[in-house]
Every structure is written in structure tokens, then in C-alpha cells.
Amino acid sequence: MTEHWHSADQVFDGRHLLTRHGICLSGGIVSAIKPLAALPQGTEVTHHKGLITPGFFDIQVNGGGGVLLNTSPTVEGVATILAAHRKFGTTALLPTVITDGPKVLEQAAAACLSARDLPGAVGIHIEGPHISSVRRGTHANHLVRPMDAATLSIVGDLRAAGLPVLITVAPEVTAPAQISQLRDLGAVVSIGHTDASADMVQAALSAGATGMTHLFNAMSPMLHREPGAVGAGIASDAWCSIIADGLHVDPIMIAIAVRARPLPDRMVAISDAMSTVDGPDNFDLYGQHIQLRDGRLYNEEGSLAGAHLTMHGALKNLVSYGVSREDALRMCCHNPGQMMGLWDRVRLLGRVAEDVLLLDSDLTLRSVGIAREIAAPNPA
């Protein structure tokens, strides 16, 4: 089998940022990562300026390409979302269904299960309907409800079929015993859209929740005498996702949260992207018209309604906010993979060539996919 070696100024293996390293493509798969000095003399290496990295993993994608999972809960809808985000370097994602009626949740779950073999489809994120009305954000209030047997059954069926499930719930409407039940089914439970106290959040984490959904947004704030959900999340060992568009959370607060975590590698970048990514600048949600203006998505009440962001954009933003390049890359690849127990799906070794990215030194995305013919040979 023919082997092709590629190098770059930097190679990110999914966890570590390496210099003077190369990757071997064998049969269209990254079969080895080695220091260039370890290669046999005379090995032909194609050198790329900039960075080689595995594609990004986004655990919260509501839509793309003009499609929302809620309004197109079909295999075709999932395929459109996958294609839209792949253009921007996201090669693995969780299609996300937000608060809706039981039928929509059933359809979305069935669609994600049927789409599991599509490149990049790695599970489902169920965000609501079991959230706080007070902190619902753009989620429809009349569809918000306590955890019920129907959702537990859907999650059980998905997990029995082997599909990874991330579910966002609020402790106010999801009892610790139900969180434990979700954990025992094999779902990853995240706390979000909650007005819970720090004590309630800590109880939910003790019951089996391991994540916090879009830290700072749609959760009780951190005050000097009441840590709220934000403070409890930052002080915990939980995975904390964050929307790094500079609009949902001030860049200073993002930098503070990254530095303040008690364990490294527990921050996860997400897009929370809506259908406007690679799609029209407006859409309808819950009968309301949502419009993209100045990079923000507004509903008719003037509230933020999801984000117009890609993971590539999040990476560049994080670096501009002072997060190290290695930590920012981990937030976009390694950390979400670890959170979901899907590290093998996002590390560089073993990746198909189509899921490897080439970025310029300024992190501009040059190519989704790597092939021998797209770069000049390394000068001797």
C-alpha cells in the first residue's frame, strides 16, 4: 500500500501541538505521526505551511444550510446540516433538537439514528424540553415540561442501539433520580437553561450529570454571595461548553472561565449554530421570524436566538481572546471527544484524509481534507 508523508509548521494530533512532525497517509488513513528526524533518510515529505489538525467536533448544532433539525427532523435534514458545517472544518457533530413537542423529538431521534453512518454524524443532542421556563431563552415556553417517561424511553432506545446521546436538562424539572437513570442508560447529562442554585447544580452533578451547557448563557449567574449555576459549573469538574462568538459571552469572561477551571481540558467550544451557517440570513422558529443582523440572530422579542458561528470561527476567536493555540484546539477537538467518550472519532491518528484540515499560520482554513497533490513538495 502506497504511503505519503505530510508535514507542516505545526501538527495537532488531537491533544498536543507538535513541531517538526509528519503524518503518514496510507490507504487514505492517517496511519502514523512521527518526528521528521525519525523518518528514514530520503523519505519524500510534502510540506504545508501552517497547521495540520483533525477536523473539529461540535456537540451543539441546531442547523445549517438553511435547515434546522427541529423543522426538518429527517435523514435529509441531518445530511444538509452535516454538509454545511463540513465546509468550515467541522467533521463530527451532534445534531441538536431543542425544546419541541413529543412528536418532533421522536422524529429527530429516529432521523439521527438512521443517519448514523453518514460522515460526521456521531449522535444526538437533546436540548430541552426539560428546562426552566425562567431561563428558557428562545425555547418556546408552552413546550417546556418536566422530565417524563417518553423522553426516558427515547433515550433508552437510542442508547440500546448504540447511538451517543447528550441531553441538556434543568435540575428544577429533572429529579436527581432521573439524572441517575439517564446516566445509567449511558447518556451524557448536561445542566443548562436553569435557574438552579449552586446547591441544586452540585446535587445534579453528584447524581450523574457531567456537563454544563453553554456556560453563562441561560443559567443563574455567579454573584459574590450566591455562586449560581455559573459559579457551581466553573468550580466543578464538569465539562463546560461555551459559545465563543464574543456575543453570547464577553471575551474577558471566556478567558476567566478557561483559566479558573480546577481541572485542565474541561472547556468545550460549541457553535450553537442555527440554519444561517451556509444558509439564508433568516428563518422561522416556533412561528417567529429570526433575522441575522451584525452577526447576531434575533427573534421578534429582541432576544438572541442561537448563534451564527462555526467551530473554525470559534477557534480563531478563542486564540484572539488569549487562549493558547493548543488549548483552543483542544476545546474544538479533544475536549468534546473526551466528554462524549468519542476520542477515537476526533484524534488525528486513524482519521480518514477527508477529515484532516489544513490551516494557514493565521488559522485561515485552507482545505478540508488532505491529499498529496494539493501542496508543493518540501524544498530540499
Protein backbone atom coordinates (compact mmCIF):
# COMPACT_ATOMS: atom_id res chain seq x y z
CA MET A 1 0.00 0.00 0.00
CA THR A 2 1.36 3.40 -1.02
CA GLU A 3 2.35 5.74 1.77
CA HIS A 4 2.52 9.54 1.57
CA TRP A 5 4.14 11.67 4.26
CA HIS A 6 3.00 15.21 5.00
CA SER A 7 4.44 17.73 7.40
CA ALA A 8 3.53 21.25 8.48
CA ASP A 9 4.92 24.00 10.63
CA GLN A 10 2.72 22.55 13.37
CA VAL A 11 0.80 19.28 13.65
CA PHE A 12 -2.02 18.96 16.17
CA ASP A 13 -2.57 15.30 16.96
CA GLY A 14 -5.89 15.97 18.69
CA ARG A 15 -4.31 16.70 22.06
CA HIS A 16 -0.78 18.06 21.59
CA LEU A 17 0.60 20.68 19.23
CA LEU A 18 3.77 19.25 17.69
CA THR A 19 6.59 20.83 15.71
CA ARG A 20 8.85 19.15 13.15
CA HIS A 21 6.49 16.21 12.83
CA GLY A 22 4.93 14.46 9.89
CA ILE A 23 1.87 12.31 9.31
CA CYS A 24 1.68 9.26 7.10
CA LEU A 25 -1.31 8.72 4.83
CA SER A 26 -1.75 5.07 3.97
CA GLY A 27 -4.85 3.94 2.13
CA GLY A 28 -6.43 7.32 2.82
CA ILE A 29 -5.95 6.96 6.60
CA VAL A 30 -3.53 8.72 8.95
CA SER A 31 -1.52 5.66 9.91
CA ALA A 32 1.39 7.26 11.78
CA ILE A 33 2.60 10.52 13.35
CA LYS A 34 6.37 10.78 13.77
CA PRO A 35 9.14 13.33 14.30
CA LEU A 36 10.66 14.18 10.93
CA ALA A 37 14.07 13.23 12.34
CA ALA A 38 12.79 9.67 12.84
CA LEU A 39 11.90 9.15 9.17
CA PRO A 40 14.33 7.12 7.03
CA GLN A 41 16.76 9.22 5.05
CA GLY A 42 15.39 10.03 1.62
CA THR A 43 11.71 9.84 2.64
CA GLU A 44 9.71 12.19 0.43
CA VAL A 45 7.64 14.57 2.55
CA THR A 46 5.14 17.10 1.28
CA HIS A 47 5.37 20.18 3.48
CA HIS A 48 2.49 22.54 4.22
CA LYS A 49 2.87 25.98 5.69
CA GLY A 50 0.69 26.42 8.76
CA LEU A 51 -1.11 23.68 10.66
CA ILE A 52 -2.38 20.14 10.15
CA THR A 53 -5.20 19.21 12.53
CA PRO A 54 -8.09 16.77 12.75
CA GLY A 55 -11.45 18.26 11.93
CA PHE A 56 -13.50 19.90 14.66
CA PHE A 57 -16.15 18.20 16.81
CA ASP A 58 -19.22 20.32 17.63
CA ILE A 59 -21.59 18.91 20.25
CA GLN A 60 -24.33 21.52 19.72
CA VAL A 61 -25.51 22.19 16.17
CA ASN A 62 -29.12 23.21 15.73
CA GLY A 63 -28.89 23.64 12.00
CA GLY A 64 -27.03 24.70 8.87
CA GLY A 65 -27.50 25.03 5.15
CA GLY A 66 -30.92 26.60 5.61
CA VAL A 67 -32.15 23.66 7.71
CA LEU A 68 -33.00 23.29 11.40
CA LEU A 69 -33.25 19.81 12.90
CA ASN A 70 -36.49 20.84 14.66
CA THR A 71 -38.20 21.80 11.43
CA SER A 72 -36.53 19.13 9.25
CA PRO A 73 -36.22 16.10 11.56
CA THR A 74 -35.26 13.76 8.72
CA VAL A 75 -32.17 11.98 7.43
CA GLU A 76 -32.07 14.52 4.60
CA GLY A 77 -32.16 17.35 7.14
CA VAL A 78 -29.27 15.84 9.08
CA ALA A 79 -27.29 15.38 5.85
CA THR A 80 -27.77 19.04 4.93
CA ILE A 81 -26.57 20.18 8.36
CA LEU A 82 -23.52 17.92 8.15
CA ALA A 83 -22.59 19.22 4.69
CA ALA A 84 -22.97 22.86 5.71
CA HIS A 85 -20.62 22.56 8.67
CA ARG A 86 -18.08 20.33 6.93
CA LYS A 87 -17.28 23.26 4.64
CA PHE A 88 -15.98 25.08 7.71
CA GLY A 89 -13.93 22.21 9.12
CA THR A 90 -16.43 20.51 11.43
CA THR A 91 -16.14 16.84 10.55
CA ALA A 92 -18.05 15.42 13.55
CA LEU A 93 -21.12 16.88 15.21
CA LEU A 94 -24.20 16.22 17.28
CA PRO A 95 -27.36 17.40 15.50
CA THR A 96 -29.32 19.19 18.21
CA VAL A 97 -33.07 19.18 18.74
CA ILE A 98 -34.27 21.94 21.02
CA THR A 99 -37.47 22.15 23.05
CA ASP A 100 -40.42 20.94 20.99
CA GLY A 101 -43.40 18.61 21.10
CA PRO A 102 -43.01 14.85 21.73
CA LYS A 103 -43.55 14.01 18.06
CA VAL A 104 -40.69 16.25 16.89
CA LEU A 105 -38.35 14.70 19.45
CA GLU A 106 -39.31 11.23 18.28
CA GLN A 107 -38.72 12.18 14.64
CA ALA A 108 -35.39 13.84 15.36
CA ALA A 109 -34.20 10.82 17.34
CA ALA A 110 -35.23 8.47 14.52
CA ALA A 111 -33.51 10.68 11.94
CA CYS A 112 -30.22 10.79 13.86
CA LEU A 113 -30.33 7.04 14.37
CA SER A 114 -30.94 6.43 10.65
CA ALA A 115 -28.20 8.94 9.72
CA ARG A 116 -25.55 7.40 11.97
CA ASP A 117 -23.50 6.10 9.03
CA LEU A 118 -23.27 9.49 7.32
CA PRO A 119 -19.78 11.00 7.55
CA GLY A 120 -19.70 13.26 10.59
CA ALA A 121 -22.93 12.10 12.24
CA VAL A 122 -21.92 10.86 15.69
CA GLY A 123 -25.07 11.04 17.83
CA ILE A 124 -27.73 13.48 19.00
CA HIS A 125 -28.01 16.34 21.47
CA ILE A 126 -31.43 16.71 23.10
CA GLU A 127 -31.56 20.26 24.48
CA GLY A 128 -34.87 20.55 26.28
CA PRO A 129 -37.81 20.38 26.69
CA HIS A 130 -36.97 19.58 30.32
CA ILE A 131 -35.60 23.01 31.19
CA SER A 132 -36.51 26.07 33.25
CA SER A 133 -39.19 28.39 31.92
CA VAL A 134 -37.37 31.27 33.62
CA ARG A 135 -34.14 30.54 31.73
CA ARG A 136 -35.61 29.12 28.54
CA GLY A 137 -34.01 31.73 26.23
CA THR A 138 -35.52 31.38 22.78
CA HIS A 139 -37.09 27.99 23.60
CA ALA A 140 -40.91 28.06 23.43
CA ASN A 141 -42.42 28.37 26.90
CA HIS A 142 -45.55 26.38 26.12
CA LEU A 143 -43.43 23.36 25.16
CA VAL A 144 -41.25 23.36 28.28
CA ARG A 145 -42.15 20.49 30.65
CA PRO A 146 -40.72 18.31 33.41
CA MET A 147 -38.78 15.17 32.59
CA ASP A 148 -41.18 12.46 31.50
CA ALA A 149 -41.30 8.77 30.68
CA ALA A 150 -41.48 9.48 26.93
CA THR A 151 -38.05 11.15 26.85
CA LEU A 152 -36.54 8.48 29.10
CA SER A 153 -37.87 5.85 26.70
CA ILE A 154 -36.43 7.61 23.65
CA VAL A 155 -33.03 7.96 25.28
CA GLY A 156 -33.13 4.32 26.32
CA ASP A 157 -33.93 3.20 22.78
CA LEU A 158 -31.14 5.33 21.28
CA ARG A 159 -28.60 4.05 23.75
CA ALA A 160 -29.72 0.46 23.27
CA ALA A 161 -28.99 0.98 19.57
CA GLY A 162 -25.54 2.31 20.46
CA LEU A 163 -26.13 5.95 19.48
CA PRO A 164 -24.31 8.51 21.67
CA VAL A 165 -26.75 10.85 23.41
CA LEU A 166 -26.12 14.21 25.06
CA ILE A 167 -29.14 15.58 26.92
CA THR A 168 -29.43 19.03 28.49
CA VAL A 169 -31.78 19.32 31.46
CA ALA A 170 -32.52 21.72 34.31
CA PRO A 171 -32.34 20.35 37.87
CA GLU A 172 -35.58 22.18 38.74
CA VAL A 173 -37.58 19.87 36.48
CA THR A 174 -35.38 16.77 36.42
CA ALA A 175 -35.01 14.95 39.72
CA PRO A 176 -31.64 13.54 40.80
CA ALA A 177 -33.06 10.03 40.42
CA GLN A 178 -33.97 10.79 36.81
CA ILE A 179 -30.49 12.18 36.14
CA SER A 180 -29.07 8.97 37.57
CA GLN A 181 -31.40 6.97 35.34
CA LEU A 182 -30.22 8.87 32.26
CA ARG A 183 -26.61 8.30 33.28
CA ASP A 184 -27.25 4.60 33.80
CA LEU A 185 -28.74 4.41 30.32
CA GLY A 186 -25.40 5.70 29.03
CA ALA A 187 -26.45 9.24 28.16
CA VAL A 188 -24.17 12.19 28.85
CA VAL A 189 -26.22 14.55 31.03
CA SER A 190 -25.55 18.28 30.91
CA ILE A 191 -27.09 21.05 33.01
CA GLY A 192 -28.42 24.06 31.16
CA HIS A 193 -31.28 26.51 30.73
CA THR A 194 -31.55 26.52 34.51
CA ASP A 195 -32.25 28.96 37.32
CA ALA A 196 -30.98 26.46 39.88
CA SER A 197 -28.92 27.39 42.91
CA ALA A 198 -25.35 26.20 43.26
CA ASP A 199 -26.52 23.55 45.73
CA MET A 200 -29.05 22.19 43.23
CA VAL A 201 -26.42 22.08 40.50
CA GLN A 202 -23.99 20.26 42.77
CA ALA A 203 -26.71 17.74 43.63
CA ALA A 204 -27.34 17.15 39.93
CA LEU A 205 -23.62 16.65 39.32
CA SER A 206 -23.49 14.18 42.21
CA ALA A 207 -26.43 12.32 40.66
CA GLY A 208 -24.55 11.79 37.41
CA ALA A 209 -24.59 14.95 35.31
CA THR A 210 -21.15 15.62 33.85
CA GLY A 211 -21.62 18.78 31.80
CA MET A 212 -22.83 22.37 31.73
CA THR A 213 -24.48 23.62 28.53
CA HIS A 214 -23.33 26.99 27.12
CA LEU A 215 -21.79 28.31 30.33
CA PHE A 216 -23.08 31.76 31.36
CA ASN A 217 -25.96 31.71 28.90
CA ALA A 218 -29.46 30.80 30.11
CA MET A 219 -28.36 29.95 33.65
CA SER A 220 -28.39 31.60 37.06
CA PRO A 221 -25.43 33.99 37.28
CA MET A 222 -22.47 33.98 39.62
CA LEU A 223 -22.77 36.55 42.41
CA HIS A 224 -20.48 37.16 45.33
CA ARG A 225 -22.82 35.53 47.87
CA GLU A 226 -24.65 33.16 45.53
CA PRO A 227 -22.47 31.24 43.04
CA GLY A 228 -25.49 30.18 40.98
CA ALA A 229 -25.23 27.65 38.18
CA VAL A 230 -22.35 29.57 36.59
CA GLY A 231 -20.18 29.53 39.71
CA ALA A 232 -21.01 25.92 40.51
CA GLY A 233 -20.12 24.90 36.98
CA ILE A 234 -16.82 26.76 36.87
CA ALA A 235 -15.78 25.35 40.27
CA SER A 236 -16.73 21.78 39.33
CA ASP A 237 -15.00 19.04 37.36
CA ALA A 238 -17.82 19.10 34.80
CA TRP A 239 -17.30 19.70 31.11
CA CYS A 240 -18.45 23.27 30.41
CA SER A 241 -19.40 24.14 26.86
CA ILE A 242 -19.26 27.77 25.79
CA ILE A 243 -20.34 29.77 22.75
CA ALA A 244 -17.17 31.54 21.65
CA ASP A 245 -18.63 34.13 19.30
CA GLY A 246 -17.83 37.12 21.52
CA LEU A 247 -21.53 38.00 21.57
CA HIS A 248 -23.09 35.41 23.85
CA VAL A 249 -20.23 35.71 26.34
CA ASP A 250 -17.78 38.57 26.65
CA PRO A 251 -14.26 37.50 25.65
CA ILE A 252 -12.93 38.53 29.08
CA MET A 253 -15.39 36.16 30.76
CA ILE A 254 -14.41 33.34 28.42
CA ALA A 255 -10.74 33.83 29.28
CA ILE A 256 -11.54 33.93 33.01
CA ALA A 257 -13.55 30.71 32.83
CA VAL A 258 -10.81 28.89 30.91
CA ARG A 259 -8.20 29.91 33.48
CA ALA A 260 -10.40 29.27 36.53
CA ARG A 261 -11.27 25.61 35.97
CA PRO A 262 -9.87 23.25 38.63
CA LEU A 263 -9.03 20.57 36.05
CA PRO A 264 -7.45 21.22 32.64
CA ASP A 265 -9.19 20.42 29.38
CA ARG A 266 -12.74 20.73 30.72
CA MET A 267 -13.84 23.61 28.46
CA VAL A 268 -15.65 22.71 25.24
CA ALA A 269 -16.20 25.09 22.35
CA ILE A 270 -19.60 24.91 20.67
CA SER A 271 -21.23 26.80 17.84
CA ASP A 272 -24.90 26.56 18.90
CA ALA A 273 -25.32 27.20 15.19
CA MET A 274 -28.63 27.80 13.52
CA SER A 275 -29.65 27.34 9.89
CA THR A 276 -27.92 30.55 8.74
CA VAL A 277 -24.49 28.86 8.62
CA ASP A 278 -24.04 28.35 4.87
CA GLY A 279 -27.71 29.30 4.51
CA PRO A 280 -30.09 32.27 4.22
CA ASP A 281 -29.88 35.10 6.77
CA ASN A 282 -33.31 34.41 8.23
CA PHE A 283 -35.59 31.55 9.26
CA ASP A 284 -38.71 30.78 11.25
CA LEU A 285 -38.72 29.12 14.66
CA TYR A 286 -41.84 28.48 16.73
CA GLY A 287 -43.74 30.72 14.32
CA GLN A 288 -41.38 33.63 14.96
CA HIS A 289 -39.17 35.19 12.34
CA ILE A 290 -35.45 35.08 13.23
CA GLN A 291 -33.14 37.53 11.49
CA LEU A 292 -29.36 37.73 11.25
CA ARG A 293 -28.11 41.26 11.90
CA ASP A 294 -24.48 42.23 12.50
CA GLY A 295 -23.54 38.65 13.27
CA ARG A 296 -26.36 38.24 15.80
CA LEU A 297 -29.56 36.22 15.46
CA TYR A 298 -32.57 37.97 16.96
CA ASN A 299 -36.10 36.70 17.49
CA GLU A 300 -39.12 39.01 17.41
CA GLU A 301 -38.72 39.70 21.14
CA GLY A 302 -35.20 41.01 20.56
CA SER A 303 -33.55 38.06 22.31
CA LEU A 304 -30.59 36.12 20.96
CA ALA A 305 -31.85 33.06 19.12
CA GLY A 306 -28.93 30.71 18.79
CA ALA A 307 -25.68 31.66 17.11
CA HIS A 308 -24.30 32.32 13.67
CA LEU A 309 -20.97 30.64 14.31
CA THR A 310 -18.76 27.82 13.09
CA MET A 311 -16.19 25.88 15.07
CA HIS A 312 -13.48 27.34 12.86
CA GLY A 313 -14.71 30.78 13.84
CA ALA A 314 -14.74 29.73 17.49
CA LEU A 315 -11.13 28.54 17.25
CA LYS A 316 -9.93 31.83 15.80
CA ASN A 317 -11.91 33.78 18.37
CA LEU A 318 -10.54 31.80 21.30
CA VAL A 319 -6.96 32.43 20.21
CA SER A 320 -7.72 36.13 19.80
CA TYR A 321 -9.12 36.16 23.37
CA GLY A 322 -5.78 34.98 24.75
CA VAL A 323 -6.43 31.22 24.93
CA SER A 324 -3.31 29.36 23.80
CA ARG A 325 -3.46 27.80 20.37
CA GLU A 326 -3.06 24.32 21.84
CA ASP A 327 -5.81 24.84 24.42
CA ALA A 328 -8.14 26.34 21.80
CA LEU A 329 -7.58 23.35 19.52
CA ARG A 330 -8.27 21.01 22.43
CA MET A 331 -11.54 22.84 23.08
CA CYS A 332 -12.53 22.18 19.48
CA CYS A 333 -11.34 18.56 19.16
CA HIS A 334 -10.01 16.72 22.19
CA ASN A 335 -12.32 18.00 24.92
CA PRO A 336 -15.67 17.38 23.19
CA GLY A 337 -14.40 13.96 22.14
CA GLN A 338 -13.49 13.11 25.71
CA MET A 339 -16.76 14.49 27.05
CA MET A 340 -18.75 12.22 24.76
CA GLY A 341 -16.44 9.22 25.08
CA LEU A 342 -15.65 9.53 21.37
CA TRP A 343 -11.94 10.32 21.45
CA ASP A 344 -11.23 7.79 18.70
CA ARG A 345 -13.54 9.76 16.40
CA VAL A 346 -11.60 13.02 16.69
CA ARG A 347 -7.90 12.27 17.22
CA LEU A 348 -5.61 12.63 14.21
CA LEU A 349 -4.23 9.10 14.23
CA GLY A 350 -6.69 6.88 12.39
CA ARG A 351 -8.54 9.76 10.72
CA VAL A 352 -9.57 9.49 7.11
CA ALA A 353 -7.83 12.02 4.89
CA GLU A 354 -11.14 13.79 4.24
CA ASP A 355 -11.37 14.67 7.95
CA VAL A 356 -7.93 16.29 8.17
CA LEU A 357 -7.70 20.07 7.95
CA LEU A 358 -5.01 22.36 6.61
CA LEU A 359 -4.90 25.80 8.20
CA ASP A 360 -2.59 28.66 7.36
CA SER A 361 -0.33 30.11 10.05
CA ASP A 362 -3.01 32.71 10.87
CA LEU A 363 -5.55 29.87 11.24
CA THR A 364 -7.31 30.64 7.97
CA LEU A 365 -8.92 27.42 6.77
CA ARG A 366 -7.19 26.38 3.58
CA SER A 367 -8.57 22.90 3.00
CA VAL A 368 -10.98 20.35 4.45
CA GLY A 369 -9.24 17.12 3.53
CA ILE A 370 -5.59 16.50 2.75
CA ALA A 371 -4.19 14.94 -0.41
CA ARG A 372 -0.74 14.65 -1.92
CA GLU A 373 -1.46 16.80 -4.93
CA ILE A 374 -2.62 19.94 -3.11
CA ALA A 375 0.77 21.05 -1.79
CA ALA A 376 4.18 21.61 -3.32
CA PRO A 377 6.94 19.18 -2.33
CA ASN A 378 9.10 20.23 0.56
CA PRO A 379 12.17 22.02 -0.81
CA ALA A 380 15.39 20.15 -0.09
